[in-house]
Amino acid sequence: MDKAIKAAMEGLLRVATGETQHIRRANCPVNGSEDRQDDCPACQAIQRAEKLLKPQWADKAQVLETVIRRLDIG
């Protein structure tokens, strides 16, 4: 696996487990990609992954984001 993709996936895992927290200043993570915060570490990790994984894994990134929001672990 490409090192950049591996790092992006590890970043998503840290968001999913709560190790990397959303700062929750606005409506991230509630509104998802519509409300990403540039200074939010969790949003940054998700954005990095989205840039690297699109288009081939875009649906998987969306699935993970939805799981994070629904479980309220992000």
PDB file of N, CA and C in Angstrom:
ATOM      1  N   MET A   1       0.850  -1.184   0.000  1.00  0.00           N
ATOM      2  CA  MET A   1       0.000   0.000   0.000  1.00  0.00           C
ATOM      3  C   MET A   1       0.891   1.241   0.000  1.00  0.00           C
ATOM      4  N   ASP A   2       0.510   2.225  -0.762  1.00  0.00           N
ATOM      5  CA  ASP A   2       1.217   3.496  -0.832  1.00  0.00           C
ATOM      6  C   ASP A   2       1.325   4.110   0.566  1.00  0.00           C
ATOM      7  N   LYS A   3       2.498   4.674   0.890  1.00  0.00           N
ATOM      8  CA  LYS A   3       2.715   5.245   2.229  1.00  0.00           C
ATOM      9  C   LYS A   3       1.743   6.374   2.551  1.00  0.00           C
ATOM     10  N   ALA A   4       1.439   7.210   1.577  1.00  0.00           N
ATOM     11  CA  ALA A   4       0.522   8.328   1.815  1.00  0.00           C
ATOM     12  C   ALA A   4      -0.890   7.816   2.099  1.00  0.00           C
ATOM     13  N   ILE A   5      -1.311   6.793   1.362  1.00  0.00           N
ATOM     14  CA  ILE A   5      -2.640   6.220   1.595  1.00  0.00           C
ATOM     15  C   ILE A   5      -2.682   5.531   2.952  1.00  0.00           C
ATOM     16  N   LYS A   6      -1.611   4.820   3.294  1.00  0.00           N
ATOM     17  CA  LYS A   6      -1.553   4.163   4.605  1.00  0.00           C
ATOM     18  C   LYS A   6      -1.649   5.202   5.718  1.00  0.00           C
ATOM     19  N   ALA A   7      -0.931   6.302   5.590  1.00  0.00           N
ATOM     20  CA  ALA A   7      -0.980   7.366   6.600  1.00  0.00           C
ATOM     21  C   ALA A   7      -2.378   7.969   6.691  1.00  0.00           C
ATOM     22  N   ALA A   8      -3.024   8.150   5.545  1.00  0.00           N
ATOM     23  CA  ALA A   8      -4.383   8.701   5.536  1.00  0.00           C
ATOM     24  C   ALA A   8      -5.358   7.755   6.227  1.00  0.00           C
ATOM     25  N   MET A   9      -5.232   6.465   5.966  1.00  0.00           N
ATOM     26  CA  MET A   9      -6.108   5.486   6.608  1.00  0.00           C
ATOM     27  C   MET A   9      -5.854   5.433   8.112  1.00  0.00           C
ATOM     28  N   GLU A  10      -4.595   5.536   8.516  1.00  0.00           N
ATOM     29  CA  GLU A  10      -4.277   5.568   9.946  1.00  0.00           C
ATOM     30  C   GLU A  10      -4.875   6.807  10.595  1.00  0.00           C
ATOM     31  N   GLY A  11      -4.857   7.934   9.872  1.00  0.00           N
ATOM     32  CA  GLY A  11      -5.472   9.157  10.377  1.00  0.00           C
ATOM     33  C   GLY A  11      -6.967   8.989  10.579  1.00  0.00           C
ATOM     34  N   LEU A  12      -7.637   8.325   9.626  1.00  0.00           N
ATOM     35  CA  LEU A  12      -9.071   8.056   9.766  1.00  0.00           C
ATOM     36  C   LEU A  12      -9.345   7.146  10.958  1.00  0.00           C
ATOM     37  N   LEU A  13      -8.473   6.174  11.164  1.00  0.00           N
ATOM     38  CA  LEU A  13      -8.643   5.277  12.302  1.00  0.00           C
ATOM     39  C   LEU A  13      -8.531   6.046  13.618  1.00  0.00           C
ATOM     40  N   ARG A  14      -7.582   6.979  13.694  1.00  0.00           N
ATOM     41  CA  ARG A  14      -7.437   7.790  14.916  1.00  0.00           C
ATOM     42  C   ARG A  14      -8.679   8.647  15.153  1.00  0.00           C
ATOM     43  N   VAL A  15      -9.296   9.134  14.086  1.00  0.00           N
ATOM     44  CA  VAL A  15     -10.546   9.892  14.234  1.00  0.00           C
ATOM     45  C   VAL A  15     -11.645   8.952  14.726  1.00  0.00           C
ATOM     46  N   ALA A  16     -11.744   7.781  14.113  1.00  0.00           N
ATOM     47  CA  ALA A  16     -12.805   6.830  14.458  1.00  0.00           C
ATOM     48  C   ALA A  16     -12.710   6.352  15.901  1.00  0.00           C
ATOM     49  N   THR A  17     -11.498   6.209  16.422  1.00  0.00           N
ATOM     50  CA  THR A  17     -11.329   5.720  17.791  1.00  0.00           C
ATOM     51  C   THR A  17     -11.374   6.832  18.823  1.00  0.00           C
ATOM     52  N   GLY A  18     -11.399   8.076  18.353  1.00  0.00           N
ATOM     53  CA  GLY A  18     -11.452   9.199  19.282  1.00  0.00           C
ATOM     54  C   GLY A  18     -10.097   9.720  19.699  1.00  0.00           C
ATOM     55  N   GLU A  19      -9.029   9.097  19.205  1.00  0.00           N
ATOM     56  CA  GLU A  19      -7.679   9.570  19.528  1.00  0.00           C
ATOM     57  C   GLU A  19      -7.464  10.977  18.973  1.00  0.00           C
ATOM     58  N   THR A  20      -7.972  11.228  17.772  1.00  0.00           N
ATOM     59  CA  THR A  20      -7.955  12.562  17.181  1.00  0.00           C
ATOM     60  C   THR A  20      -9.373  13.105  17.266  1.00  0.00           C
ATOM     61  N   GLN A  21      -9.550  14.163  18.020  1.00  0.00           N
ATOM     62  CA  GLN A  21     -10.877  14.707  18.303  1.00  0.00           C
ATOM     63  C   GLN A  21     -11.255  15.843  17.353  1.00  0.00           C
ATOM     64  N   HIS A  22     -12.544  15.974  17.108  1.00  0.00           N
ATOM     65  CA  HIS A  22     -13.067  17.170  16.450  1.00  0.00           C
ATOM     66  C   HIS A  22     -13.081  18.288  17.488  1.00  0.00           C
ATOM     67  N   ILE A  23     -12.806  19.513  17.068  1.00  0.00           N
ATOM     68  CA  ILE A  23     -12.851  20.623  18.023  1.00  0.00           C
ATOM     69  C   ILE A  23     -14.275  21.085  18.265  1.00  0.00           C
ATOM     70  N   ARG A  24     -15.201  20.665  17.389  1.00  0.00           N
ATOM     71  CA  ARG A  24     -16.640  20.921  17.549  1.00  0.00           C
ATOM     72  C   ARG A  24     -16.974  22.399  17.738  1.00  0.00           C
ATOM     73  N   ARG A  25     -16.202  23.250  17.082  1.00  0.00           N
ATOM     74  CA  ARG A  25     -16.480  24.684  17.155  1.00  0.00           C
ATOM     75  C   ARG A  25     -17.702  25.035  16.313  1.00  0.00           C
ATOM     76  N   ALA A  26     -17.862  24.344  15.226  1.00  0.00           N
ATOM     77  CA  ALA A  26     -19.034  24.568  14.368  1.00  0.00           C
ATOM     78  C   ALA A  26     -19.857  23.286  14.397  1.00  0.00           C
ATOM     79  N   ASN A  27     -20.324  22.873  13.266  1.00  0.00           N
ATOM     80  CA  ASN A  27     -21.143  21.668  13.215  1.00  0.00           C
ATOM     81  C   ASN A  27     -20.392  20.453  12.687  1.00  0.00           C
ATOM     82  N   CYS A  28     -19.079  20.496  12.736  1.00  0.00           N
ATOM     83  CA  CYS A  28     -18.353  19.276  12.406  1.00  0.00           C
ATOM     84  C   CYS A  28     -18.389  18.406  13.660  1.00  0.00           C
ATOM     85  N   PRO A  29     -18.603  17.148  13.605  1.00  0.00           N
ATOM     86  CA  PRO A  29     -18.789  16.301  12.442  1.00  0.00           C
ATOM     87  C   PRO A  29     -20.245  16.101  12.036  1.00  0.00           C
ATOM     88  N   VAL A  30     -21.166  16.780  12.668  1.00  0.00           N
ATOM     89  CA  VAL A  30     -22.593  16.558  12.425  1.00  0.00           C
ATOM     90  C   VAL A  30     -22.961  16.715  10.955  1.00  0.00           C
ATOM     91  N   ASN A  31     -22.499  17.782  10.310  1.00  0.00           N
ATOM     92  CA  ASN A  31     -22.851  18.044   8.915  1.00  0.00           C
ATOM     93  C   ASN A  31     -21.876  17.442   7.923  1.00  0.00           C
ATOM     94  N   GLY A  32     -20.892  16.730   8.388  1.00  0.00           N
ATOM     95  CA  GLY A  32     -19.956  16.076   7.489  1.00  0.00           C
ATOM     96  C   GLY A  32     -19.156  17.055   6.653  1.00  0.00           C
ATOM     97  N   SER A  33     -18.950  16.702   5.396  1.00  0.00           N
ATOM     98  CA  SER A  33     -18.071  17.482   4.531  1.00  0.00           C
ATOM     99  C   SER A  33     -18.582  18.892   4.272  1.00  0.00           C
ATOM    100  N   GLU A  34     -19.842  19.146   4.547  1.00  0.00           N
ATOM    101  CA  GLU A  34     -20.391  20.491   4.350  1.00  0.00           C
ATOM    102  C   GLU A  34     -19.843  21.487   5.370  1.00  0.00           C
ATOM    103  N   ASP A  35     -19.345  20.991   6.476  1.00  0.00           N
ATOM    104  CA  ASP A  35     -18.938  21.868   7.571  1.00  0.00           C
ATOM    105  C   ASP A  35     -17.533  21.579   8.086  1.00  0.00           C
ATOM    106  N   ARG A  36     -16.628  21.179   7.228  1.00  0.00           N
ATOM    107  CA  ARG A  36     -15.258  20.915   7.661  1.00  0.00           C
ATOM    108  C   ARG A  36     -14.619  22.200   8.185  1.00  0.00           C
ATOM    109  N   GLN A  37     -13.864  22.067   9.264  1.00  0.00           N
ATOM    110  CA  GLN A  37     -13.152  23.196   9.855  1.00  0.00           C
ATOM    111  C   GLN A  37     -11.671  23.059   9.522  1.00  0.00           C
ATOM    112  N   ASP A  38     -11.084  24.098   8.945  1.00  0.00           N
ATOM    113  CA  ASP A  38      -9.685  24.037   8.525  1.00  0.00           C
ATOM    114  C   ASP A  38      -8.722  23.834   9.682  1.00  0.00           C
ATOM    115  N   ASP A  39      -9.099  24.269  10.891  1.00  0.00           N
ATOM    116  CA  ASP A  39      -8.200  24.132  12.032  1.00  0.00           C
ATOM    117  C   ASP A  39      -8.561  22.953  12.937  1.00  0.00           C
ATOM    118  N   CYS A  40      -9.486  22.115  12.517  1.00  0.00           N
ATOM    119  CA  CYS A  40      -9.903  20.949  13.297  1.00  0.00           C
ATOM    120  C   CYS A  40      -9.035  19.752  12.899  1.00  0.00           C
ATOM    121  N   PRO A  41      -8.294  19.159  13.848  1.00  0.00           N
ATOM    122  CA  PRO A  41      -7.418  18.034  13.510  1.00  0.00           C
ATOM    123  C   PRO A  41      -8.160  16.852  12.885  1.00  0.00           C
ATOM    124  N   ALA A  42      -9.347  16.561  13.373  1.00  0.00           N
ATOM    125  CA  ALA A  42     -10.106  15.441  12.816  1.00  0.00           C
ATOM    126  C   ALA A  42     -10.569  15.754  11.393  1.00  0.00           C
ATOM    127  N   CYS A  43     -11.058  16.964  11.177  1.00  0.00           N
ATOM    128  CA  CYS A  43     -11.478  17.367   9.828  1.00  0.00           C
ATOM    129  C   CYS A  43     -10.293  17.331   8.867  1.00  0.00           C
ATOM    130  N   GLN A  44      -9.121  17.756   9.331  1.00  0.00           N
ATOM    131  CA  GLN A  44      -7.928  17.733   8.492  1.00  0.00           C
ATOM    132  C   GLN A  44      -7.591  16.303   8.077  1.00  0.00           C
ATOM    133  N   ALA A  45      -7.678  15.370   9.023  1.00  0.00           N
ATOM    134  CA  ALA A  45      -7.384  13.968   8.714  1.00  0.00           C
ATOM    135  C   ALA A  45      -8.369  13.421   7.682  1.00  0.00           C
ATOM    136  N   ILE A  46      -9.637  13.756   7.848  1.00  0.00           N
ATOM    137  CA  ILE A  46     -10.658  13.289   6.905  1.00  0.00           C
ATOM    138  C   ILE A  46     -10.430  13.908   5.529  1.00  0.00           C
ATOM    139  N   GLN A  47     -10.100  15.195   5.488  1.00  0.00           N
ATOM    140  CA  GLN A  47      -9.855  15.862   4.203  1.00  0.00           C
ATOM    141  C   GLN A  47      -8.648  15.263   3.492  1.00  0.00           C
ATOM    142  N   ARG A  48      -7.574  14.969   4.238  1.00  0.00           N
ATOM    143  CA  ARG A  48      -6.396  14.349   3.624  1.00  0.00           C
ATOM    144  C   ARG A  48      -6.775  13.007   2.999  1.00  0.00           C
ATOM    145  N   ALA A  49      -7.541  12.225   3.729  1.00  0.00           N
ATOM    146  CA  ALA A  49      -7.944  10.914   3.212  1.00  0.00           C
ATOM    147  C   ALA A  49      -8.834  11.056   1.986  1.00  0.00           C
ATOM    148  N   GLU A  50      -9.763  11.990   2.036  1.00  0.00           N
ATOM    149  CA  GLU A  50     -10.656  12.189   0.889  1.00  0.00           C
ATOM    150  C   GLU A  50      -9.875  12.568  -0.360  1.00  0.00           C
ATOM    151  N   LYS A  51      -8.887  13.443  -0.218  1.00  0.00           N
ATOM    152  CA  LYS A  51      -8.096  13.870  -1.382  1.00  0.00           C
ATOM    153  C   LYS A  51      -7.311  12.710  -1.974  1.00  0.00           C
ATOM    154  N   LEU A  52      -6.757  11.864  -1.110  1.00  0.00           N
ATOM    155  CA  LEU A  52      -5.948  10.752  -1.594  1.00  0.00           C
ATOM    156  C   LEU A  52      -6.782   9.596  -2.130  1.00  0.00           C
ATOM    157  N   LEU A  53      -7.928   9.372  -1.544  1.00  0.00           N
ATOM    158  CA  LEU A  53      -8.702   8.184  -1.874  1.00  0.00           C
ATOM    159  C   LEU A  53      -9.706   8.383  -2.989  1.00  0.00           C
ATOM    160  N   LYS A  54     -10.038   9.614  -3.308  1.00  0.00           N
ATOM    161  CA  LYS A  54     -10.987   9.847  -4.398  1.00  0.00           C
ATOM    162  C   LYS A  54     -10.283   9.643  -5.716  1.00  0.00           C
ATOM    163  N   PRO A  55     -10.908   9.150  -6.731  1.00  0.00           N
ATOM    164  CA  PRO A  55     -12.292   8.699  -6.784  1.00  0.00           C
ATOM    165  C   PRO A  55     -12.456   7.230  -6.413  1.00  0.00           C
ATOM    166  N   GLN A  56     -11.345   6.459  -6.405  1.00  0.00           N
ATOM    167  CA  GLN A  56     -11.496   5.011  -6.279  1.00  0.00           C
ATOM    168  C   GLN A  56     -12.098   4.554  -4.958  1.00  0.00           C
ATOM    169  N   TRP A  57     -11.897   5.317  -3.871  1.00  0.00           N
ATOM    170  CA  TRP A  57     -12.419   4.884  -2.578  1.00  0.00           C
ATOM    171  C   TRP A  57     -13.383   5.902  -1.999  1.00  0.00           C
ATOM    172  N   ALA A  58     -13.901   6.779  -2.786  1.00  0.00           N
ATOM    173  CA  ALA A  58     -14.750   7.855  -2.267  1.00  0.00           C
ATOM    174  C   ALA A  58     -15.924   7.309  -1.467  1.00  0.00           C
ATOM    175  N   ASP A  59     -16.537   6.258  -1.966  1.00  0.00           N
ATOM    176  CA  ASP A  59     -17.680   5.702  -1.247  1.00  0.00           C
ATOM    177  C   ASP A  59     -17.270   5.124   0.098  1.00  0.00           C
ATOM    178  N   LYS A  60     -16.078   4.551   0.182  1.00  0.00           N
ATOM    179  CA  LYS A  60     -15.598   3.998   1.448  1.00  0.00           C
ATOM    180  C   LYS A  60     -15.313   5.101   2.458  1.00  0.00           C
ATOM    181  N   ALA A  61     -14.765   6.219   2.006  1.00  0.00           N
ATOM    182  CA  ALA A  61     -14.516   7.346   2.907  1.00  0.00           C
ATOM    183  C   ALA A  61     -15.837   7.890   3.438  1.00  0.00           C
ATOM    184  N   GLN A  62     -16.847   7.952   2.591  1.00  0.00           N
ATOM    185  CA  GLN A  62     -18.159   8.424   3.033  1.00  0.00           C
ATOM    186  C   GLN A  62     -18.777   7.461   4.030  1.00  0.00           C
ATOM    187  N   VAL A  63     -18.603   6.172   3.801  1.00  0.00           N
ATOM    188  CA  VAL A  63     -19.134   5.181   4.735  1.00  0.00           C
ATOM    189  C   VAL A  63     -18.479   5.348   6.099  1.00  0.00           C
ATOM    190  N   LEU A  64     -17.154   5.489   6.125  1.00  0.00           N
ATOM    191  CA  LEU A  64     -16.454   5.663   7.394  1.00  0.00           C
ATOM    192  C   LEU A  64     -16.907   6.934   8.094  1.00  0.00           C
ATOM    193  N   GLU A  65     -17.052   8.014   7.354  1.00  0.00           N
ATOM    194  CA  GLU A  65     -17.511   9.271   7.942  1.00  0.00           C
ATOM    195  C   GLU A  65     -18.899   9.106   8.550  1.00  0.00           C
ATOM    196  N   THR A  66     -19.776   8.399   7.862  1.00  0.00           N
ATOM    197  CA  THR A  66     -21.127   8.171   8.374  1.00  0.00           C
ATOM    198  C   THR A  66     -21.087   7.347   9.654  1.00  0.00           C
ATOM    199  N   VAL A  67     -20.250   6.324   9.678  1.00  0.00           N
ATOM    200  CA  VAL A  67     -20.118   5.501  10.885  1.00  0.00           C
ATOM    201  C   VAL A  67     -19.612   6.343  12.042  1.00  0.00           C
ATOM    202  N   ILE A  68     -18.614   7.174  11.800  1.00  0.00           N
ATOM    203  CA  ILE A  68     -18.066   8.034  12.848  1.00  0.00           C
ATOM    204  C   ILE A  68     -19.156   8.931  13.407  1.00  0.00           C
ATOM    205  N   ARG A  69     -19.937   9.550  12.533  1.00  0.00           N
ATOM    206  CA  ARG A  69     -20.999  10.455  12.989  1.00  0.00           C
ATOM    207  C   ARG A  69     -22.071   9.707  13.770  1.00  0.00           C
ATOM    208  N   ARG A  70     -22.492   8.572  13.262  1.00  0.00           N
ATOM    209  CA  ARG A  70     -23.594   7.839  13.906  1.00  0.00           C
ATOM    210  C   ARG A  70     -23.188   7.268  15.254  1.00  0.00           C
ATOM    211  N   LEU A  71     -21.943   6.864  15.382  1.00  0.00           N
ATOM    212  CA  LEU A  71     -21.476   6.327  16.655  1.00  0.00           C
ATOM    213  C   LEU A  71     -21.020   7.427  17.599  1.00  0.00           C
ATOM    214  N   ASP A  72     -20.951   8.663  17.082  1.00  0.00           N
ATOM    215  CA  ASP A  72     -20.489   9.817  17.851  1.00  0.00           C
ATOM    216  C   ASP A  72     -19.132   9.557  18.473  1.00  0.00           C
ATOM    217  N   ILE A  73     -18.217   9.004  17.668  1.00  0.00           N
ATOM    218  CA  ILE A  73     -16.878   8.738  18.168  1.00  0.00           C
ATOM    219  C   ILE A  73     -15.846   9.645  17.528  1.00  0.00           C
ATOM    220  N   GLY A  74     -16.300  10.590  16.728  1.00  0.00           N
ATOM    221  CA  GLY A  74     -15.360  11.468  16.043  1.00  0.00           C
ATOM    222  C   GLY A  74     -15.322  12.830  16.643  1.00  0.00           C
TER     223      GLY A  74
END
